[in-house]
PDB file of N, CA and C in Angstrom:
ATOM      1  N   UNK A   1     -12.492 -52.700 -34.767  1.00  0.00           N
ATOM      2  CA  UNK A   1     -13.672 -53.558 -34.814  1.00  0.00           C
ATOM      3  C   UNK A   1     -13.345 -54.794 -35.643  1.00  0.00           C
ATOM      4  N   UNK A   2     -14.131 -55.837 -35.539  1.00  0.00           N
ATOM      5  CA  UNK A   2     -13.903 -57.030 -36.368  1.00  0.00           C
ATOM      6  C   UNK A   2     -13.912 -56.727 -37.868  1.00  0.00           C
ATOM      7  N   UNK A   3     -14.648 -55.707 -38.281  1.00  0.00           N
ATOM      8  CA  UNK A   3     -14.699 -55.353 -39.704  1.00  0.00           C
ATOM      9  C   UNK A   3     -13.372 -54.801 -40.221  1.00  0.00           C
ATOM     10  N   UNK A   4     -12.512 -54.314 -39.327  1.00  0.00           N
ATOM     11  CA  UNK A   4     -11.214 -53.764 -39.716  1.00  0.00           C
ATOM     12  C   UNK A   4     -10.144 -54.835 -39.900  1.00  0.00           C
ATOM     13  N   UNK A   5     -10.462 -56.063 -39.547  1.00  0.00           N
ATOM     14  CA  UNK A   5      -9.496 -57.160 -39.594  1.00  0.00           C
ATOM     15  C   UNK A   5      -9.605 -57.877 -40.939  1.00  0.00           C
ATOM     16  N   UNK A   6      -8.458 -58.042 -41.606  1.00  0.00           N
ATOM     17  CA  UNK A   6      -8.442 -58.721 -42.900  1.00  0.00           C
ATOM     18  C   UNK A   6      -8.394 -60.235 -42.765  1.00  0.00           C
ATOM     19  N   UNK A   7      -7.670 -60.739 -41.764  1.00  0.00           N
ATOM     20  CA  UNK A   7      -7.558 -62.182 -41.580  1.00  0.00           C
ATOM     21  C   UNK A   7      -7.340 -62.487 -40.102  1.00  0.00           C
ATOM     22  N   UNK A   8      -7.898 -63.601 -39.663  1.00  0.00           N
ATOM     23  CA  UNK A   8      -7.717 -64.082 -38.293  1.00  0.00           C
ATOM     24  C   UNK A   8      -6.993 -65.421 -38.372  1.00  0.00           C
ATOM     25  N   UNK A   9      -5.928 -65.554 -37.595  1.00  0.00           N
ATOM     26  CA  UNK A   9      -5.178 -66.804 -37.523  1.00  0.00           C
ATOM     27  C   UNK A   9      -5.124 -67.217 -36.059  1.00  0.00           C
ATOM     28  N   UNK A  10      -5.834 -68.281 -35.743  1.00  0.00           N
ATOM     29  CA  UNK A  10      -5.867 -68.797 -34.375  1.00  0.00           C
ATOM     30  C   UNK A  10      -4.981 -70.033 -34.262  1.00  0.00           C
ATOM     31  N   UNK A  11      -4.637 -70.376 -33.030  1.00  0.00           N
ATOM     32  CA  UNK A  11      -3.957 -71.642 -32.775  1.00  0.00           C
ATOM     33  C   UNK A  11      -4.823 -72.748 -33.360  1.00  0.00           C
ATOM     34  N   UNK A  12      -4.216 -73.619 -34.124  1.00  0.00           N
ATOM     35  CA  UNK A  12      -4.946 -74.656 -34.850  1.00  0.00           C
ATOM     36  C   UNK A  12      -5.088 -75.919 -33.990  1.00  0.00           C
ATOM     37  N   UNK A  13      -5.808 -75.797 -32.884  1.00  0.00           N
ATOM     38  CA  UNK A  13      -5.963 -76.919 -31.963  1.00  0.00           C
ATOM     39  C   UNK A  13      -7.157 -77.793 -32.320  1.00  0.00           C
ATOM     40  N   UNK A  14      -8.272 -77.148 -32.668  1.00  0.00           N
ATOM     41  CA  UNK A  14      -9.520 -77.880 -32.852  1.00  0.00           C
ATOM     42  C   UNK A  14     -10.469 -76.992 -33.650  1.00  0.00           C
ATOM     43  N   UNK A  15     -11.018 -77.498 -34.733  1.00  0.00           N
ATOM     44  CA  UNK A  15     -11.875 -76.674 -35.591  1.00  0.00           C
ATOM     45  C   UNK A  15     -13.147 -76.229 -34.863  1.00  0.00           C
ATOM     46  N   UNK A  16     -13.627 -77.010 -33.911  1.00  0.00           N
ATOM     47  CA  UNK A  16     -14.820 -76.602 -33.145  1.00  0.00           C
ATOM     48  C   UNK A  16     -14.528 -75.358 -32.306  1.00  0.00           C
ATOM     49  N   UNK A  17     -13.333 -75.275 -31.752  1.00  0.00           N
ATOM     50  CA  UNK A  17     -12.942 -74.093 -30.979  1.00  0.00           C
ATOM     51  C   UNK A  17     -12.870 -72.873 -31.895  1.00  0.00           C
ATOM     52  N   UNK A  18     -12.251 -73.038 -33.056  1.00  0.00           N
ATOM     53  CA  UNK A  18     -12.132 -71.935 -34.014  1.00  0.00           C
ATOM     54  C   UNK A  18     -13.513 -71.455 -34.440  1.00  0.00           C
ATOM     55  N   UNK A  19     -14.384 -72.382 -34.821  1.00  0.00           N
ATOM     56  CA  UNK A  19     -15.733 -72.011 -35.267  1.00  0.00           C
ATOM     57  C   UNK A  19     -16.530 -71.331 -34.158  1.00  0.00           C
ATOM     58  N   UNK A  20     -16.438 -71.847 -32.936  1.00  0.00           N
ATOM     59  CA  UNK A  20     -17.184 -71.258 -31.815  1.00  0.00           C
ATOM     60  C   UNK A  20     -16.681 -69.852 -31.499  1.00  0.00           C
ATOM     61  N   UNK A  21     -15.373 -69.659 -31.509  1.00  0.00           N
ATOM     62  CA  UNK A  21     -14.815 -68.335 -31.213  1.00  0.00           C
ATOM     63  C   UNK A  21     -15.234 -67.320 -32.268  1.00  0.00           C
ATOM     64  N   UNK A  22     -15.174 -67.699 -33.526  1.00  0.00           N
ATOM     65  CA  UNK A  22     -15.536 -66.768 -34.599  1.00  0.00           C
ATOM     66  C   UNK A  22     -17.032 -66.451 -34.584  1.00  0.00           C
ATOM     67  N   UNK A  23     -17.856 -67.438 -34.262  1.00  0.00           N
ATOM     68  CA  UNK A  23     -19.300 -67.195 -34.153  1.00  0.00           C
ATOM     69  C   UNK A  23     -19.589 -66.231 -33.008  1.00  0.00           C
ATOM     70  N   UNK A  24     -18.926 -66.431 -31.888  1.00  0.00           N
ATOM     71  CA  UNK A  24     -19.128 -65.572 -30.716  1.00  0.00           C
ATOM     72  C   UNK A  24     -18.685 -64.132 -31.003  1.00  0.00           C
ATOM     73  N   UNK A  25     -17.620 -63.972 -31.786  1.00  0.00           N
ATOM     74  CA  UNK A  25     -17.093 -62.646 -32.105  1.00  0.00           C
ATOM     75  C   UNK A  25     -17.750 -62.018 -33.332  1.00  0.00           C
ATOM     76  N   UNK A  26     -18.563 -62.800 -34.036  1.00  0.00           N
ATOM     77  CA  UNK A  26     -19.242 -62.279 -35.221  1.00  0.00           C
ATOM     78  C   UNK A  26     -18.321 -62.085 -36.414  1.00  0.00           C
ATOM     79  N   UNK A  27     -17.305 -62.922 -36.530  1.00  0.00           N
ATOM     80  CA  UNK A  27     -16.354 -62.836 -37.643  1.00  0.00           C
ATOM     81  C   UNK A  27     -16.674 -63.942 -38.640  1.00  0.00           C
ATOM     82  N   UNK A  28     -16.828 -63.559 -39.910  1.00  0.00           N
ATOM     83  CA  UNK A  28     -17.144 -64.521 -40.962  1.00  0.00           C
ATOM     84  C   UNK A  28     -16.030 -65.547 -41.110  1.00  0.00           C
ATOM     85  N   UNK A  29     -16.429 -66.806 -41.312  1.00  0.00           N
ATOM     86  CA  UNK A  29     -15.474 -67.917 -41.431  1.00  0.00           C
ATOM     87  C   UNK A  29     -14.494 -67.709 -42.589  1.00  0.00           C
ATOM     88  N   UNK A  30     -14.910 -67.014 -43.657  1.00  0.00           N
ATOM     89  CA  UNK A  30     -14.011 -66.815 -44.798  1.00  0.00           C
ATOM     90  C   UNK A  30     -12.856 -65.862 -44.483  1.00  0.00           C
ATOM     91  N   UNK A  31     -12.933 -65.157 -43.362  1.00  0.00           N
ATOM     92  CA  UNK A  31     -11.824 -64.285 -42.942  1.00  0.00           C
ATOM     93  C   UNK A  31     -10.927 -64.964 -41.910  1.00  0.00           C
ATOM     94  N   UNK A  32     -11.100 -66.268 -41.743  1.00  0.00           N
ATOM     95  CA  UNK A  32     -10.312 -67.046 -40.790  1.00  0.00           C
ATOM     96  C   UNK A  32      -9.478 -68.059 -41.573  1.00  0.00           C
ATOM     97  N   UNK A  33      -8.188 -68.122 -41.271  1.00  0.00           N
ATOM     98  CA  UNK A  33      -7.338 -69.098 -41.954  1.00  0.00           C
ATOM     99  C   UNK A  33      -7.276 -70.371 -41.122  1.00  0.00           C
ATOM    100  N   UNK A  34      -7.574 -71.497 -41.761  1.00  0.00           N
ATOM    101  CA  UNK A  34      -7.528 -72.801 -41.083  1.00  0.00           C
ATOM    102  C   UNK A  34      -6.715 -73.762 -41.944  1.00  0.00           C
ATOM    103  N   UNK A  35      -5.711 -74.385 -41.350  1.00  0.00           N
ATOM    104  CA  UNK A  35      -4.972 -75.453 -42.028  1.00  0.00           C
ATOM    105  C   UNK A  35      -4.920 -76.715 -41.167  1.00  0.00           C
ATOM    106  N   UNK A  36      -5.719 -76.728 -40.143  1.00  0.00           N
ATOM    107  CA  UNK A  36      -5.798 -77.858 -39.214  1.00  0.00           C
ATOM    108  C   UNK A  36      -6.110 -79.158 -39.940  1.00  0.00           C
ATOM    109  N   UNK A  37      -6.936 -79.078 -40.971  1.00  0.00           N
ATOM    110  CA  UNK A  37      -7.315 -80.277 -41.720  1.00  0.00           C
ATOM    111  C   UNK A  37      -6.133 -80.886 -42.479  1.00  0.00           C
ATOM    112  N   UNK A  38      -5.107 -80.099 -42.760  1.00  0.00           N
ATOM    113  CA  UNK A  38      -3.945 -80.597 -43.490  1.00  0.00           C
ATOM    114  C   UNK A  38      -2.814 -81.067 -42.572  1.00  0.00           C
ATOM    115  N   UNK A  39      -2.626 -80.392 -41.437  1.00  0.00           N
ATOM    116  CA  UNK A  39      -1.464 -80.673 -40.594  1.00  0.00           C
ATOM    117  C   UNK A  39      -1.799 -81.158 -39.191  1.00  0.00           C
ATOM    118  N   UNK A  40      -3.045 -81.026 -38.774  1.00  0.00           N
ATOM    119  CA  UNK A  40      -3.395 -81.367 -37.404  1.00  0.00           C
ATOM    120  C   UNK A  40      -2.918 -80.277 -36.451  1.00  0.00           C
ATOM    121  N   UNK A  41      -2.930 -80.577 -35.181  1.00  0.00           N
ATOM    122  CA  UNK A  41      -2.482 -79.633 -34.156  1.00  0.00           C
ATOM    123  C   UNK A  41      -0.958 -79.685 -34.091  1.00  0.00           C
ATOM    124  N   UNK A  42      -0.309 -78.655 -34.582  1.00  0.00           N
ATOM    125  CA  UNK A  42       1.158 -78.617 -34.598  1.00  0.00           C
ATOM    126  C   UNK A  42       1.722 -77.869 -33.393  1.00  0.00           C
ATOM    127  N   UNK A  43       0.906 -77.725 -32.366  1.00  0.00           N
ATOM    128  CA  UNK A  43       1.318 -77.135 -31.097  1.00  0.00           C
ATOM    129  C   UNK A  43       1.828 -75.706 -31.288  1.00  0.00           C
ATOM    130  N   UNK A  44       2.982 -75.386 -30.740  1.00  0.00           N
ATOM    131  CA  UNK A  44       3.489 -74.009 -30.771  1.00  0.00           C
ATOM    132  C   UNK A  44       3.784 -73.514 -32.183  1.00  0.00           C
ATOM    133  N   UNK A  45       3.917 -74.423 -33.130  1.00  0.00           N
ATOM    134  CA  UNK A  45       4.198 -74.028 -34.506  1.00  0.00           C
ATOM    135  C   UNK A  45       2.964 -73.705 -35.325  1.00  0.00           C
ATOM    136  N   UNK A  46       1.777 -73.868 -34.759  1.00  0.00           N
ATOM    137  CA  UNK A  46       0.562 -73.749 -35.578  1.00  0.00           C
ATOM    138  C   UNK A  46       0.352 -72.354 -36.159  1.00  0.00           C
ATOM    139  N   UNK A  47       0.602 -71.319 -35.393  1.00  0.00           N
ATOM    140  CA  UNK A  47       0.383 -69.956 -35.907  1.00  0.00           C
ATOM    141  C   UNK A  47       1.449 -69.575 -36.939  1.00  0.00           C
ATOM    142  N   UNK A  48       2.751 -69.777 -36.671  1.00  0.00           N
ATOM    143  CA  UNK A  48       3.731 -69.461 -37.715  1.00  0.00           C
ATOM    144  C   UNK A  48       3.509 -70.256 -39.007  1.00  0.00           C
ATOM    145  N   UNK A  49       3.156 -71.529 -38.895  1.00  0.00           N
ATOM    146  CA  UNK A  49       2.876 -72.328 -40.093  1.00  0.00           C
ATOM    147  C   UNK A  49       1.673 -71.779 -40.849  1.00  0.00           C
ATOM    148  N   UNK A  50       0.625 -71.419 -40.119  1.00  0.00           N
ATOM    149  CA  UNK A  50      -0.578 -70.878 -40.756  1.00  0.00           C
ATOM    150  C   UNK A  50      -0.290 -69.532 -41.417  1.00  0.00           C
ATOM    151  N   UNK A  51       0.493 -68.677 -40.768  1.00  0.00           N
ATOM    152  CA  UNK A  51       0.844 -67.383 -41.361  1.00  0.00           C
ATOM    153  C   UNK A  51       1.645 -67.566 -42.648  1.00  0.00           C
ATOM    154  N   UNK A  52       2.607 -68.475 -42.628  1.00  0.00           N
ATOM    155  CA  UNK A  52       3.423 -68.723 -43.823  1.00  0.00           C
ATOM    156  C   UNK A  52       2.565 -69.251 -44.963  1.00  0.00           C
ATOM    157  N   UNK A  53       1.676 -70.169 -44.652  1.00  0.00           N
ATOM    158  CA  UNK A  53       0.808 -70.732 -45.687  1.00  0.00           C
ATOM    159  C   UNK A  53      -0.183 -69.692 -46.201  1.00  0.00           C
ATOM    160  N   UNK A  54      -0.727 -68.884 -45.307  1.00  0.00           N
ATOM    161  CA  UNK A  54      -1.671 -67.837 -45.720  1.00  0.00           C
ATOM    162  C   UNK A  54      -0.989 -66.834 -46.644  1.00  0.00           C
ATOM    163  N   UNK A  55       0.239 -66.460 -46.326  1.00  0.00           N
ATOM    164  CA  UNK A  55       0.967 -65.532 -47.192  1.00  0.00           C
ATOM    165  C   UNK A  55       1.267 -66.178 -48.542  1.00  0.00           C
ATOM    166  N   UNK A  56       1.685 -67.434 -48.543  1.00  0.00           N
ATOM    167  CA  UNK A  56       1.986 -68.139 -49.792  1.00  0.00           C
ATOM    168  C   UNK A  56       0.754 -68.243 -50.689  1.00  0.00           C
ATOM    169  N   UNK A  57      -0.421 -68.338 -50.086  1.00  0.00           N
ATOM    170  CA  UNK A  57      -1.674 -68.437 -50.839  1.00  0.00           C
ATOM    171  C   UNK A  57      -2.239 -67.069 -51.221  1.00  0.00           C
ATOM    172  N   UNK A  58      -1.575 -66.001 -50.798  1.00  0.00           N
ATOM    173  CA  UNK A  58      -2.068 -64.664 -51.112  1.00  0.00           C
ATOM    174  C   UNK A  58      -3.204 -64.190 -50.227  1.00  0.00           C
ATOM    175  N   UNK A  59      -3.425 -64.882 -49.119  1.00  0.00           N
ATOM    176  CA  UNK A  59      -4.491 -64.494 -48.189  1.00  0.00           C
ATOM    177  C   UNK A  59      -4.073 -63.324 -47.308  1.00  0.00           C
ATOM    178  N   UNK A  60      -2.749 -63.078 -47.194  1.00  0.00           N
ATOM    179  CA  UNK A  60      -2.226 -61.934 -46.447  1.00  0.00           C
ATOM    180  C   UNK A  60      -1.371 -61.114 -47.409  1.00  0.00           C
ATOM    181  N   UNK A  61      -1.647 -59.822 -47.430  1.00  0.00           N
ATOM    182  CA  UNK A  61      -0.883 -58.911 -48.282  1.00  0.00           C
ATOM    183  C   UNK A  61      -0.323 -57.772 -47.429  1.00  0.00           C
ATOM    184  N   UNK A  62       0.705 -57.114 -47.950  1.00  0.00           N
ATOM    185  CA  UNK A  62       1.310 -55.980 -47.247  1.00  0.00           C
ATOM    186  C   UNK A  62       0.216 -54.979 -46.868  1.00  0.00           C
ATOM    187  N   UNK A  63       0.249 -54.548 -45.607  1.00  0.00           N
ATOM    188  CA  UNK A  63      -0.716 -53.572 -45.105  1.00  0.00           C
ATOM    189  C   UNK A  63      -1.955 -54.179 -44.478  1.00  0.00           C
ATOM    190  N   UNK A  64      -2.176 -55.487 -44.660  1.00  0.00           N
ATOM    191  CA  UNK A  64      -3.343 -56.136 -44.053  1.00  0.00           C
ATOM    192  C   UNK A  64      -3.227 -56.120 -42.530  1.00  0.00           C
ATOM    193  N   UNK A  65      -4.376 -56.084 -41.887  1.00  0.00           N
ATOM    194  CA  UNK A  65      -4.423 -56.225 -40.431  1.00  0.00           C
ATOM    195  C   UNK A  65      -4.805 -57.668 -40.116  1.00  0.00           C
ATOM    196  N   UNK A  66      -3.936 -58.334 -39.370  1.00  0.00           N
ATOM    197  CA  UNK A  66      -4.095 -59.748 -39.063  1.00  0.00           C
ATOM    198  C   UNK A  66      -4.145 -59.922 -37.552  1.00  0.00           C
ATOM    199  N   UNK A  67      -5.155 -60.625 -37.075  1.00  0.00           N
ATOM    200  CA  UNK A  67      -5.230 -60.982 -35.659  1.00  0.00           C
ATOM    201  C   UNK A  67      -4.671 -62.388 -35.509  1.00  0.00           C
ATOM    202  N   UNK A  68      -3.724 -62.540 -34.595  1.00  0.00           N
ATOM    203  CA  UNK A  68      -3.209 -63.861 -34.247  1.00  0.00           C
ATOM    204  C   UNK A  68      -3.530 -64.100 -32.778  1.00  0.00           C
ATOM    205  N   UNK A  69      -3.946 -65.330 -32.476  1.00  0.00           N
ATOM    206  CA  UNK A  69      -4.301 -65.644 -31.097  1.00  0.00           C
ATOM    207  C   UNK A  69      -3.941 -67.091 -30.793  1.00  0.00           C
ATOM    208  N   UNK A  70      -3.157 -67.256 -29.743  1.00  0.00           N
ATOM    209  CA  UNK A  70      -2.776 -68.586 -29.293  1.00  0.00           C
ATOM    210  C   UNK A  70      -3.337 -68.843 -27.911  1.00  0.00           C
ATOM    211  N   UNK A  71      -3.575 -70.096 -27.621  1.00  0.00           N
ATOM    212  CA  UNK A  71      -4.131 -70.454 -26.314  1.00  0.00           C
ATOM    213  C   UNK A  71      -3.656 -71.839 -25.936  1.00  0.00           C
ATOM    214  N   UNK A  72      -3.697 -72.107 -24.645  1.00  0.00           N
ATOM    215  CA  UNK A  72      -3.244 -73.399 -24.153  1.00  0.00           C
ATOM    216  C   UNK A  72      -4.053 -73.829 -22.950  1.00  0.00           C
ATOM    217  N   UNK A  73      -3.469 -74.706 -22.174  1.00  0.00           N
ATOM    218  CA  UNK A  73      -4.158 -75.263 -21.014  1.00  0.00           C
ATOM    219  C   UNK A  73      -4.445 -74.173 -19.984  1.00  0.00           C
ATOM    220  N   UNK A  74      -5.541 -74.338 -19.304  1.00  0.00           N
ATOM    221  CA  UNK A  74      -5.911 -73.375 -18.272  1.00  0.00           C
ATOM    222  C   UNK A  74      -6.281 -72.037 -18.875  1.00  0.00           C
ATOM    223  N   UNK A  75      -5.751 -70.977 -18.312  1.00  0.00           N
ATOM    224  CA  UNK A  75      -6.075 -69.629 -18.779  1.00  0.00           C
ATOM    225  C   UNK A  75      -4.917 -68.980 -19.532  1.00  0.00           C
ATOM    226  N   UNK A  76      -4.067 -69.781 -20.152  1.00  0.00           N
ATOM    227  CA  UNK A  76      -2.946 -69.196 -20.888  1.00  0.00           C
ATOM    228  C   UNK A  76      -3.371 -68.867 -22.316  1.00  0.00           C
ATOM    229  N   UNK A  77      -3.118 -67.609 -22.707  1.00  0.00           N
ATOM    230  CA  UNK A  77      -3.470 -67.166 -24.059  1.00  0.00           C
ATOM    231  C   UNK A  77      -2.724 -65.881 -24.374  1.00  0.00           C
ATOM    232  N   UNK A  78      -2.631 -65.570 -25.636  1.00  0.00           N
ATOM    233  CA  UNK A  78      -2.058 -64.299 -26.087  1.00  0.00           C
ATOM    234  C   UNK A  78      -2.683 -63.956 -27.431  1.00  0.00           C
ATOM    235  N   UNK A  79      -2.924 -62.672 -27.647  1.00  0.00           N
ATOM    236  CA  UNK A  79      -3.518 -62.198 -28.896  1.00  0.00           C
ATOM    237  C   UNK A  79      -2.799 -60.928 -29.316  1.00  0.00           C
ATOM    238  N   UNK A  80      -2.620 -60.775 -30.619  1.00  0.00           N
ATOM    239  CA  UNK A  80      -1.981 -59.568 -31.150  1.00  0.00           C
ATOM    240  C   UNK A  80      -2.652 -59.171 -32.458  1.00  0.00           C
ATOM    241  N   UNK A  81      -2.699 -57.873 -32.692  1.00  0.00           N
ATOM    242  CA  UNK A  81      -3.128 -57.332 -33.977  1.00  0.00           C
ATOM    243  C   UNK A  81      -1.862 -56.878 -34.690  1.00  0.00           C
ATOM    244  N   UNK A  82      -1.613 -57.425 -35.871  1.00  0.00           N
ATOM    245  CA  UNK A  82      -0.378 -57.175 -36.608  1.00  0.00           C
ATOM    246  C   UNK A  82      -0.712 -56.531 -37.951  1.00  0.00           C
ATOM    247  N   UNK A  83      -0.026 -55.440 -38.281  1.00  0.00           N
ATOM    248  CA  UNK A  83      -0.130 -54.900 -39.637  1.00  0.00           C
ATOM    249  C   UNK A  83       0.975 -55.579 -40.436  1.00  0.00           C
ATOM    250  N   UNK A  84       0.588 -56.334 -41.466  1.00  0.00           N
ATOM    251  CA  UNK A  84       1.512 -57.183 -42.214  1.00  0.00           C
ATOM    252  C   UNK A  84       2.436 -56.382 -43.087  1.00  0.00           C
TER     253      UNK A  84
END
């Protein structure tokens, strides 16, 4: 369930997309990592960059459950649940 997830890291394409997805899924914004405001849309590197920054800030710890989700043009997307 969403309550079992410690952090959500989405493709950092657009903050409106991130906010809309989290609202639709009922996930609190404080459990979502966003660095779009600092780096912009870094394309395929957005999730690895966000994960590295989240870990450096202590937002991800060993054993945490992290959802990562990337998306692109059309219907291309991928999502994974990772135990850190």
